[in-house]
Amino acid sequence: MSWLHIKYYDIHFYTPSSFEHRTHKLCKLPNDLLTLLISDPTETTSGCSLTIATGSHNDPSELPGLAHLCEHMILAGGSKKFSDPGIYHEAIARNNGSQNAFTTGEQTAFFFELPSSHNSDEISFDHLLGIFSSFFAEPLFHPSSINKEIYAIESEHNANVSSTSKILYHATRLLA
């Protein structure tokens, strides 16, 4: 596989040459957040992803699972601008989109995508992007959501405890 080299000031990244029809633009926002915009005219979806460079390895020892709980609460709790905790999930579902998030040891990532074409009376991608970004600018951690999200995390953990691939992953991680 060959790779295309893209440089933005002192930042270098590579993309597979099979993606040469895509346009890549690296932008620095006024708050110094680095963003990568990718445009692909052949795609039938529009999406957004945000990754935070912190994860479970940064959890305080007295609060294991804090990064995972924050992952859940950011999308469940709403924001100052959009205080309805269900607005994001309802907008995604109403527009036949999908969303997810995950926490690793080093990062926490959030993403969503929508079909590129939807009716004019439905929420626009730009509006959904506004809702999504508000969760990171001014999140609300509704106390009423915390127990529900803790239960969801415990359910995920219980499923992982019986997963052979998860057991092998953690055994390798602990031995590394």
N, C-alpha and C. Protein backbone atom coordinates (compact mmCIF):
# COMPACT_ATOMS: atom_id res chain seq x y z
N MET A 1 0.85 -1.17 0.00
CA MET A 1 0.00 0.00 0.00
C MET A 1 0.90 1.23 0.00
N SER A 2 0.59 2.19 -0.84
CA SER A 2 1.35 3.43 -0.85
C SER A 2 0.59 4.49 -0.07
N TRP A 3 1.34 5.50 0.41
CA TRP A 3 0.78 6.51 1.29
C TRP A 3 1.02 7.90 0.73
N LEU A 4 0.06 8.80 0.96
CA LEU A 4 0.21 10.20 0.60
C LEU A 4 0.66 10.97 1.83
N HIS A 5 1.63 11.83 1.66
CA HIS A 5 2.14 12.63 2.77
C HIS A 5 1.45 13.99 2.76
N ILE A 6 0.91 14.39 3.90
CA ILE A 6 0.27 15.69 4.05
C ILE A 6 0.97 16.42 5.18
N LYS A 7 1.34 17.68 4.92
CA LYS A 7 2.04 18.46 5.93
C LYS A 7 1.27 19.75 6.19
N TYR A 8 1.15 20.10 7.44
CA TYR A 8 0.54 21.35 7.86
C TYR A 8 1.47 21.95 8.89
N TYR A 9 2.16 23.00 8.52
CA TYR A 9 3.19 23.59 9.35
C TYR A 9 4.15 22.48 9.77
N ASP A 10 4.27 22.20 11.05
CA ASP A 10 5.21 21.16 11.51
C ASP A 10 4.52 19.82 11.76
N ILE A 11 3.28 19.69 11.33
CA ILE A 11 2.53 18.46 11.58
C ILE A 11 2.48 17.65 10.29
N HIS A 12 2.87 16.39 10.40
CA HIS A 12 2.87 15.48 9.26
C HIS A 12 1.91 14.33 9.54
N PHE A 13 1.16 13.94 8.53
CA PHE A 13 0.38 12.72 8.64
C PHE A 13 0.26 12.10 7.27
N TYR A 14 -0.06 10.83 7.27
CA TYR A 14 -0.10 10.05 6.04
C TYR A 14 -1.47 9.44 5.86
N THR A 15 -1.93 9.37 4.62
CA THR A 15 -3.18 8.70 4.31
C THR A 15 -2.91 7.71 3.19
N PRO A 16 -3.65 6.61 3.14
CA PRO A 16 -3.45 5.64 2.06
C PRO A 16 -3.71 6.30 0.70
N SER A 17 -2.92 5.97 -0.29
CA SER A 17 -3.11 6.56 -1.62
C SER A 17 -4.46 6.18 -2.23
N SER A 18 -5.07 5.12 -1.73
CA SER A 18 -6.41 4.76 -2.21
C SER A 18 -7.44 5.83 -1.85
N PHE A 19 -7.08 6.75 -0.96
CA PHE A 19 -7.96 7.84 -0.56
C PHE A 19 -7.58 9.15 -1.25
N GLU A 20 -6.86 9.07 -2.37
CA GLU A 20 -6.36 10.28 -3.01
C GLU A 20 -7.48 11.17 -3.55
N HIS A 21 -8.69 10.63 -3.74
CA HIS A 21 -9.82 11.45 -4.19
C HIS A 21 -10.40 12.29 -3.06
N ARG A 22 -9.96 12.03 -1.83
CA ARG A 22 -10.44 12.80 -0.68
C ARG A 22 -9.60 14.07 -0.53
N THR A 23 -10.26 15.10 -0.05
CA THR A 23 -9.56 16.34 0.27
C THR A 23 -9.35 16.38 1.78
N HIS A 24 -8.15 16.67 2.21
CA HIS A 24 -7.82 16.75 3.62
C HIS A 24 -7.41 18.18 3.94
N LYS A 25 -7.93 18.69 5.03
CA LYS A 25 -7.53 20.03 5.46
C LYS A 25 -7.34 20.01 6.97
N LEU A 26 -6.16 20.36 7.40
CA LEU A 26 -5.85 20.44 8.81
C LEU A 26 -6.03 21.90 9.22
N CYS A 27 -6.83 22.14 10.26
CA CYS A 27 -7.14 23.50 10.70
C CYS A 27 -6.87 23.63 12.19
N LYS A 28 -6.41 24.78 12.59
CA LYS A 28 -6.27 25.08 14.01
C LYS A 28 -7.35 26.10 14.36
N LEU A 29 -8.21 25.74 15.29
CA LEU A 29 -9.30 26.61 15.70
C LEU A 29 -8.77 27.71 16.62
N PRO A 30 -9.57 28.77 16.83
CA PRO A 30 -9.12 29.87 17.70
C PRO A 30 -8.71 29.43 19.11
N ASN A 31 -9.26 28.31 19.59
CA ASN A 31 -8.89 27.81 20.93
C ASN A 31 -7.70 26.85 20.87
N ASP A 32 -6.98 26.84 19.74
CA ASP A 32 -5.80 26.00 19.50
C ASP A 32 -6.11 24.52 19.33
N LEU A 33 -7.38 24.16 19.21
CA LEU A 33 -7.75 22.78 18.94
C LEU A 33 -7.43 22.46 17.50
N LEU A 34 -6.73 21.38 17.28
CA LEU A 34 -6.35 20.95 15.94
C LEU A 34 -7.45 20.07 15.37
N THR A 35 -7.90 20.37 14.16
CA THR A 35 -8.96 19.60 13.53
C THR A 35 -8.53 19.13 12.15
N LEU A 36 -9.05 18.00 11.75
CA LEU A 36 -8.81 17.47 10.42
C LEU A 36 -10.15 17.33 9.73
N LEU A 37 -10.31 18.05 8.62
CA LEU A 37 -11.52 17.97 7.82
C LEU A 37 -11.24 17.08 6.62
N ILE A 38 -12.11 16.13 6.37
CA ILE A 38 -11.95 15.23 5.23
C ILE A 38 -13.21 15.30 4.39
N SER A 39 -13.05 15.57 3.12
CA SER A 39 -14.18 15.63 2.20
C SER A 39 -14.01 14.54 1.16
N ASP A 40 -15.06 13.76 0.97
CA ASP A 40 -15.05 12.68 -0.01
C ASP A 40 -16.37 12.72 -0.77
N PRO A 41 -16.34 13.22 -2.01
CA PRO A 41 -17.59 13.35 -2.77
C PRO A 41 -18.28 12.02 -3.07
N THR A 42 -17.58 10.90 -2.88
CA THR A 42 -18.20 9.60 -3.16
C THR A 42 -18.96 9.05 -1.95
N GLU A 43 -18.78 9.64 -0.78
CA GLU A 43 -19.44 9.14 0.43
C GLU A 43 -20.91 9.50 0.46
N THR A 44 -21.70 8.67 1.09
CA THR A 44 -23.13 8.92 1.22
C THR A 44 -23.50 9.30 2.66
N THR A 45 -22.49 9.49 3.49
CA THR A 45 -22.73 9.90 4.87
C THR A 45 -21.86 11.09 5.21
N SER A 46 -22.28 11.82 6.23
CA SER A 46 -21.48 12.89 6.82
C SER A 46 -21.26 12.52 8.27
N GLY A 47 -20.08 12.76 8.77
CA GLY A 47 -19.79 12.35 10.13
C GLY A 47 -18.85 13.29 10.84
N CYS A 48 -18.74 13.08 12.12
CA CYS A 48 -17.84 13.86 12.96
C CYS A 48 -17.30 12.95 14.06
N SER A 49 -16.05 13.17 14.39
CA SER A 49 -15.41 12.41 15.46
C SER A 49 -14.59 13.38 16.30
N LEU A 50 -14.60 13.17 17.60
CA LEU A 50 -13.78 13.97 18.51
C LEU A 50 -13.06 12.99 19.43
N THR A 51 -11.75 13.13 19.51
CA THR A 51 -10.96 12.27 20.38
C THR A 51 -10.23 13.13 21.40
N ILE A 52 -10.32 12.74 22.64
CA ILE A 52 -9.67 13.42 23.74
C ILE A 52 -8.49 12.56 24.18
N ALA A 53 -7.34 13.18 24.35
CA ALA A 53 -6.12 12.43 24.66
C ALA A 53 -6.02 12.11 26.15
N THR A 54 -7.04 11.47 26.68
CA THR A 54 -7.01 10.95 28.04
C THR A 54 -7.98 9.78 28.13
N GLY A 55 -7.65 8.83 28.94
CA GLY A 55 -8.50 7.65 29.07
C GLY A 55 -8.36 7.05 30.45
N SER A 56 -8.63 5.76 30.54
CA SER A 56 -8.68 5.09 31.84
C SER A 56 -7.33 5.04 32.55
N HIS A 57 -6.23 5.16 31.83
CA HIS A 57 -4.93 5.17 32.50
C HIS A 57 -4.74 6.42 33.34
N ASN A 58 -5.55 7.44 33.11
CA ASN A 58 -5.47 8.67 33.88
C ASN A 58 -6.49 8.71 35.02
N ASP A 59 -7.25 7.64 35.19
CA ASP A 59 -8.21 7.60 36.30
C ASP A 59 -7.46 7.65 37.63
N PRO A 60 -7.96 8.42 38.60
CA PRO A 60 -7.36 8.36 39.94
C PRO A 60 -7.56 6.95 40.52
N SER A 61 -6.61 6.48 41.28
CA SER A 61 -6.71 5.11 41.81
C SER A 61 -7.95 4.92 42.67
N GLU A 62 -8.43 5.99 43.32
CA GLU A 62 -9.62 5.88 44.16
C GLU A 62 -10.92 5.96 43.35
N LEU A 63 -10.81 6.26 42.04
CA LEU A 63 -12.00 6.35 41.18
C LEU A 63 -11.81 5.61 39.87
N PRO A 64 -11.58 4.29 39.91
CA PRO A 64 -11.43 3.56 38.64
C PRO A 64 -12.72 3.63 37.83
N GLY A 65 -12.58 3.82 36.53
CA GLY A 65 -13.75 3.91 35.66
C GLY A 65 -14.23 5.33 35.45
N LEU A 66 -13.53 6.33 36.00
CA LEU A 66 -13.97 7.71 35.87
C LEU A 66 -14.01 8.18 34.42
N ALA A 67 -13.00 7.85 33.63
CA ALA A 67 -12.98 8.26 32.22
C ALA A 67 -14.15 7.65 31.47
N HIS A 68 -14.45 6.39 31.75
CA HIS A 68 -15.57 5.71 31.09
C HIS A 68 -16.90 6.35 31.51
N LEU A 69 -17.02 6.69 32.78
CA LEU A 69 -18.24 7.36 33.24
C LEU A 69 -18.38 8.73 32.58
N CYS A 70 -17.30 9.46 32.47
CA CYS A 70 -17.35 10.77 31.79
C CYS A 70 -17.76 10.59 30.33
N GLU A 71 -17.25 9.57 29.67
CA GLU A 71 -17.65 9.28 28.28
C GLU A 71 -19.17 9.14 28.20
N HIS A 72 -19.74 8.35 29.10
CA HIS A 72 -21.18 8.12 29.08
C HIS A 72 -21.94 9.40 29.43
N MET A 73 -21.47 10.12 30.44
CA MET A 73 -22.21 11.29 30.92
C MET A 73 -22.18 12.45 29.93
N ILE A 74 -21.11 12.59 29.18
CA ILE A 74 -21.05 13.69 28.21
C ILE A 74 -22.17 13.58 27.21
N LEU A 75 -22.44 12.39 26.71
CA LEU A 75 -23.50 12.22 25.71
C LEU A 75 -24.89 12.05 26.34
N ALA A 76 -24.95 11.73 27.62
CA ALA A 76 -26.24 11.49 28.27
C ALA A 76 -26.76 12.72 29.00
N GLY A 77 -25.88 13.66 29.30
CA GLY A 77 -26.27 14.74 30.20
C GLY A 77 -26.72 16.04 29.59
N GLY A 78 -26.55 16.21 28.29
CA GLY A 78 -26.91 17.48 27.69
C GLY A 78 -25.85 18.54 27.95
N SER A 79 -26.19 19.78 27.63
CA SER A 79 -25.26 20.90 27.81
C SER A 79 -26.04 22.13 28.23
N LYS A 80 -25.33 23.19 28.56
CA LYS A 80 -26.03 24.43 28.93
C LYS A 80 -26.93 24.90 27.80
N LYS A 81 -26.45 24.82 26.57
CA LYS A 81 -27.23 25.29 25.42
C LYS A 81 -28.36 24.33 25.06
N PHE A 82 -28.12 23.02 25.20
CA PHE A 82 -29.11 21.98 24.87
C PHE A 82 -29.30 21.12 26.11
N SER A 83 -30.15 21.59 27.03
CA SER A 83 -30.24 20.94 28.35
C SER A 83 -31.06 19.65 28.35
N ASP A 84 -31.82 19.39 27.29
CA ASP A 84 -32.59 18.15 27.22
C ASP A 84 -31.61 16.99 27.02
N PRO A 85 -31.49 16.09 28.01
CA PRO A 85 -30.51 15.01 27.90
C PRO A 85 -30.71 14.09 26.71
N GLY A 86 -31.92 14.01 26.15
CA GLY A 86 -32.17 13.09 25.05
C GLY A 86 -32.05 13.71 23.66
N ILE A 87 -31.78 14.99 23.56
CA ILE A 87 -31.83 15.67 22.27
C ILE A 87 -30.87 15.09 21.24
N TYR A 88 -29.68 14.74 21.67
CA TYR A 88 -28.67 14.22 20.75
C TYR A 88 -29.08 12.86 20.19
N HIS A 89 -29.42 11.93 21.07
CA HIS A 89 -29.80 10.58 20.64
C HIS A 89 -31.08 10.59 19.80
N GLU A 90 -32.03 11.44 20.17
CA GLU A 90 -33.27 11.55 19.40
C GLU A 90 -33.00 12.09 18.00
N ALA A 91 -32.12 13.10 17.90
CA ALA A 91 -31.80 13.68 16.60
C ALA A 91 -31.09 12.67 15.71
N ILE A 92 -30.19 11.91 16.27
CA ILE A 92 -29.49 10.87 15.51
C ILE A 92 -30.50 9.85 14.98
N ALA A 93 -31.37 9.36 15.86
CA ALA A 93 -32.35 8.34 15.48
C ALA A 93 -33.33 8.88 14.45
N ARG A 94 -33.80 10.10 14.64
CA ARG A 94 -34.79 10.70 13.73
C ARG A 94 -34.23 10.83 12.32
N ASN A 95 -32.91 10.94 12.20
CA ASN A 95 -32.28 11.13 10.90
C ASN A 95 -31.56 9.89 10.40
N ASN A 96 -31.91 8.72 10.96
CA ASN A 96 -31.33 7.44 10.53
C ASN A 96 -29.81 7.42 10.63
N GLY A 97 -29.30 8.08 11.65
CA GLY A 97 -27.86 8.13 11.85
C GLY A 97 -27.41 7.10 12.86
N SER A 98 -26.13 7.15 13.17
CA SER A 98 -25.58 6.27 14.19
C SER A 98 -24.54 7.05 14.98
N GLN A 99 -24.31 6.60 16.19
CA GLN A 99 -23.33 7.26 17.06
C GLN A 99 -22.75 6.23 18.01
N ASN A 100 -21.59 6.55 18.53
CA ASN A 100 -20.99 5.69 19.54
C ASN A 100 -19.85 6.46 20.18
N ALA A 101 -19.27 5.85 21.19
CA ALA A 101 -18.12 6.41 21.89
C ALA A 101 -17.37 5.24 22.51
N PHE A 102 -16.10 5.46 22.82
CA PHE A 102 -15.33 4.42 23.50
C PHE A 102 -14.19 5.06 24.29
N THR A 103 -13.77 4.34 25.30
CA THR A 103 -12.65 4.78 26.14
C THR A 103 -11.60 3.69 26.12
N THR A 104 -10.35 4.09 25.86
CA THR A 104 -9.22 3.18 25.97
C THR A 104 -8.35 3.69 27.12
N GLY A 105 -7.20 3.10 27.29
CA GLY A 105 -6.30 3.58 28.32
C GLY A 105 -5.79 4.99 28.05
N GLU A 106 -5.60 5.32 26.78
CA GLU A 106 -4.98 6.58 26.43
C GLU A 106 -5.92 7.63 25.86
N GLN A 107 -7.13 7.24 25.45
CA GLN A 107 -8.01 8.21 24.79
C GLN A 107 -9.48 7.89 25.02
N THR A 108 -10.29 8.91 24.79
CA THR A 108 -11.73 8.76 24.79
C THR A 108 -12.23 9.37 23.49
N ALA A 109 -13.01 8.63 22.73
CA ALA A 109 -13.45 9.08 21.41
C ALA A 109 -14.98 9.05 21.31
N PHE A 110 -15.51 10.01 20.58
CA PHE A 110 -16.94 10.16 20.35
C PHE A 110 -17.13 10.36 18.85
N PHE A 111 -18.18 9.76 18.27
CA PHE A 111 -18.40 9.98 16.85
C PHE A 111 -19.87 9.76 16.50
N PHE A 112 -20.27 10.38 15.37
CA PHE A 112 -21.60 10.17 14.83
C PHE A 112 -21.53 10.31 13.32
N GLU A 113 -22.54 9.76 12.66
CA GLU A 113 -22.68 9.94 11.22
C GLU A 113 -24.16 9.95 10.85
N LEU A 114 -24.44 10.66 9.77
CA LEU A 114 -25.80 10.77 9.24
C LEU A 114 -25.76 10.51 7.75
N PRO A 115 -26.83 9.97 7.19
CA PRO A 115 -26.90 9.91 5.73
C PRO A 115 -26.80 11.33 5.18
N SER A 116 -26.09 11.51 4.06
CA SER A 116 -25.88 12.85 3.52
C SER A 116 -27.15 13.52 3.07
N SER A 117 -28.12 12.76 2.62
CA SER A 117 -29.37 13.37 2.17
C SER A 117 -30.47 13.05 3.16
N HIS A 118 -31.17 14.09 3.57
CA HIS A 118 -32.33 13.89 4.43
C HIS A 118 -33.32 15.02 4.16
N ASN A 119 -34.55 14.83 4.58
CA ASN A 119 -35.61 15.80 4.30
C ASN A 119 -35.32 17.15 4.93
N SER A 120 -35.81 18.22 4.31
CA SER A 120 -35.53 19.56 4.80
C SER A 120 -36.17 19.84 6.15
N ASP A 121 -37.21 19.08 6.53
CA ASP A 121 -37.84 19.33 7.82
C ASP A 121 -37.12 18.61 8.96
N GLU A 122 -36.12 17.81 8.63
CA GLU A 122 -35.36 17.12 9.66
C GLU A 122 -34.14 17.93 10.05
N ILE A 123 -33.56 17.59 11.15
CA ILE A 123 -32.41 18.32 11.67
C ILE A 123 -31.25 18.27 10.68
N SER A 124 -30.53 19.34 10.55
CA SER A 124 -29.40 19.38 9.63
C SER A 124 -28.14 18.88 10.32
N PHE A 125 -27.18 18.50 9.49
CA PHE A 125 -25.88 18.06 10.02
C PHE A 125 -25.25 19.18 10.84
N ASP A 126 -25.34 20.41 10.35
CA ASP A 126 -24.74 21.54 11.08
C ASP A 126 -25.37 21.72 12.45
N HIS A 127 -26.69 21.56 12.53
CA HIS A 127 -27.37 21.69 13.83
C HIS A 127 -26.93 20.57 14.77
N LEU A 128 -26.85 19.35 14.25
CA LEU A 128 -26.40 18.24 15.08
C LEU A 128 -24.95 18.45 15.53
N LEU A 129 -24.14 18.99 14.66
CA LEU A 129 -22.76 19.31 15.02
C LEU A 129 -22.73 20.34 16.16
N GLY A 130 -23.66 21.30 16.14
CA GLY A 130 -23.76 22.27 17.23
C GLY A 130 -24.13 21.62 18.55
N ILE A 131 -25.06 20.67 18.50
CA ILE A 131 -25.44 19.94 19.71
C ILE A 131 -24.25 19.15 20.23
N PHE A 132 -23.61 18.40 19.34
CA PHE A 132 -22.47 17.56 19.69
C PHE A 132 -21.35 18.39 20.32
N SER A 133 -20.99 19.49 19.68
CA SER A 133 -19.87 20.29 20.19
C SER A 133 -20.21 20.96 21.51
N SER A 134 -21.49 21.28 21.73
CA SER A 134 -21.87 21.93 23.00
C SER A 134 -21.64 21.01 24.20
N PHE A 135 -21.71 19.69 23.97
CA PHE A 135 -21.48 18.74 25.06
C PHE A 135 -20.06 18.84 25.61
N PHE A 136 -19.13 19.27 24.77
CA PHE A 136 -17.73 19.35 25.19
C PHE A 136 -17.38 20.75 25.69
N ALA A 137 -18.14 21.75 25.25
CA ALA A 137 -17.89 23.12 25.68
C ALA A 137 -18.49 23.39 27.06
N GLU A 138 -19.74 22.97 27.27
CA GLU A 138 -20.43 23.22 28.54
C GLU A 138 -21.33 22.04 28.90
N PRO A 139 -20.71 20.89 29.25
CA PRO A 139 -21.53 19.71 29.55
C PRO A 139 -22.29 19.85 30.86
N LEU A 140 -23.44 19.21 30.91
CA LEU A 140 -24.22 19.09 32.15
C LEU A 140 -24.20 17.63 32.55
N PHE A 141 -23.79 17.36 33.74
CA PHE A 141 -23.82 16.00 34.25
C PHE A 141 -25.03 15.91 35.18
N HIS A 142 -26.19 15.60 34.59
CA HIS A 142 -27.42 15.52 35.38
C HIS A 142 -27.29 14.41 36.42
N PRO A 143 -27.51 14.74 37.69
CA PRO A 143 -27.45 13.71 38.73
C PRO A 143 -28.40 12.55 38.45
N SER A 144 -29.52 12.82 37.81
CA SER A 144 -30.49 11.75 37.53
C SER A 144 -29.97 10.74 36.52
N SER A 145 -28.95 11.11 35.74
CA SER A 145 -28.40 10.20 34.72
C SER A 145 -27.25 9.35 35.25
N ILE A 146 -26.65 9.76 36.34
CA ILE A 146 -25.42 9.09 36.81
C ILE A 146 -25.67 7.62 37.14
N ASN A 147 -26.71 7.31 37.92
CA ASN A 147 -26.96 5.91 38.30
C ASN A 147 -27.26 5.06 37.07
N LYS A 148 -28.01 5.62 36.13
CA LYS A 148 -28.32 4.88 34.89
C LYS A 148 -27.05 4.56 34.12
N GLU A 149 -26.13 5.51 34.04
CA GLU A 149 -24.89 5.30 33.29
C GLU A 149 -23.94 4.37 34.04
N ILE A 150 -23.91 4.45 35.35
CA ILE A 150 -23.10 3.51 36.14
C ILE A 150 -23.60 2.08 35.90
N TYR A 151 -24.92 1.90 35.87
CA TYR A 151 -25.49 0.59 35.59
C TYR A 151 -25.09 0.10 34.19
N ALA A 152 -25.13 1.01 33.20
CA ALA A 152 -24.74 0.64 31.83
C ALA A 152 -23.27 0.22 31.78
N ILE A 153 -22.43 0.93 32.50
CA ILE A 153 -21.00 0.60 32.53
C ILE A 153 -20.77 -0.75 33.21
N GLU A 154 -21.49 -0.99 34.30
CA GLU A 154 -21.38 -2.28 34.98
C GLU A 154 -21.84 -3.41 34.08
N SER A 155 -22.88 -3.18 33.30
CA SER A 155 -23.36 -4.20 32.36
C SER A 155 -22.31 -4.48 31.29
N GLU A 156 -21.67 -3.43 30.78
CA GLU A 156 -20.59 -3.60 29.81
C GLU A 156 -19.44 -4.40 30.43
N HIS A 157 -19.09 -4.04 31.66
CA HIS A 157 -18.00 -4.74 32.35
C HIS A 157 -18.33 -6.22 32.54
N ASN A 158 -19.55 -6.52 32.97
CA ASN A 158 -19.94 -7.91 33.18
C ASN A 158 -19.90 -8.71 31.88
N ALA A 159 -20.25 -8.07 30.77
CA ALA A 159 -20.16 -8.75 29.48
C ALA A 159 -18.70 -8.99 29.09
N ASN A 160 -17.84 -8.02 29.40
CA ASN A 160 -16.42 -8.14 29.07
C ASN A 160 -15.72 -9.20 29.91
N VAL A 161 -16.15 -9.38 31.15
CA VAL A 161 -15.52 -10.35 32.05
C VAL A 161 -15.61 -11.77 31.48
N SER A 162 -16.68 -12.04 30.74
CA SER A 162 -16.85 -13.38 30.18
C SER A 162 -16.39 -13.48 28.72
N SER A 163 -15.77 -12.42 28.20
CA SER A 163 -15.31 -12.42 26.82
C SER A 163 -13.85 -12.88 26.76
N THR A 164 -13.61 -13.96 26.05
CA THR A 164 -12.25 -14.50 25.93
C THR A 164 -11.30 -13.47 25.33
N SER A 165 -11.72 -12.76 24.31
CA SER A 165 -10.83 -11.78 23.68
C SER A 165 -10.49 -10.64 24.65
N LYS A 166 -11.44 -10.21 25.47
CA LYS A 166 -11.17 -9.16 26.46
C LYS A 166 -10.23 -9.67 27.56
N ILE A 167 -10.42 -10.91 27.97
CA ILE A 167 -9.55 -11.50 29.00
C ILE A 167 -8.11 -11.57 28.47
N LEU A 168 -7.95 -12.03 27.23
CA LEU A 168 -6.60 -12.11 26.65
C LEU A 168 -5.99 -10.73 26.45
N TYR A 169 -6.79 -9.75 26.05
CA TYR A 169 -6.30 -8.39 25.89
C TYR A 169 -5.75 -7.87 27.21
N HIS A 170 -6.54 -8.00 28.29
CA HIS A 170 -6.11 -7.48 29.59
C HIS A 170 -4.92 -8.25 30.14
N ALA A 171 -4.87 -9.54 29.89
CA ALA A 171 -3.71 -10.31 30.34
C ALA A 171 -2.44 -9.82 29.63
N THR A 172 -2.53 -9.60 28.33
CA THR A 172 -1.39 -9.08 27.58
C THR A 172 -1.02 -7.68 28.05
N ARG A 173 -2.01 -6.85 28.28
CA ARG A 173 -1.78 -5.47 28.75
C ARG A 173 -1.06 -5.49 30.09
N LEU A 174 -1.49 -6.35 31.01
CA LEU A 174 -0.87 -6.41 32.34
C LEU A 174 0.56 -6.96 32.27
N LEU A 175 0.81 -7.84 31.32
CA LEU A 175 2.16 -8.41 31.20
C LEU A 175 3.12 -7.47 30.46
N ALA A 176 2.59 -6.52 29.72
CA ALA A 176 3.44 -5.63 28.91
C ALA A 176 4.22 -4.66 29.77
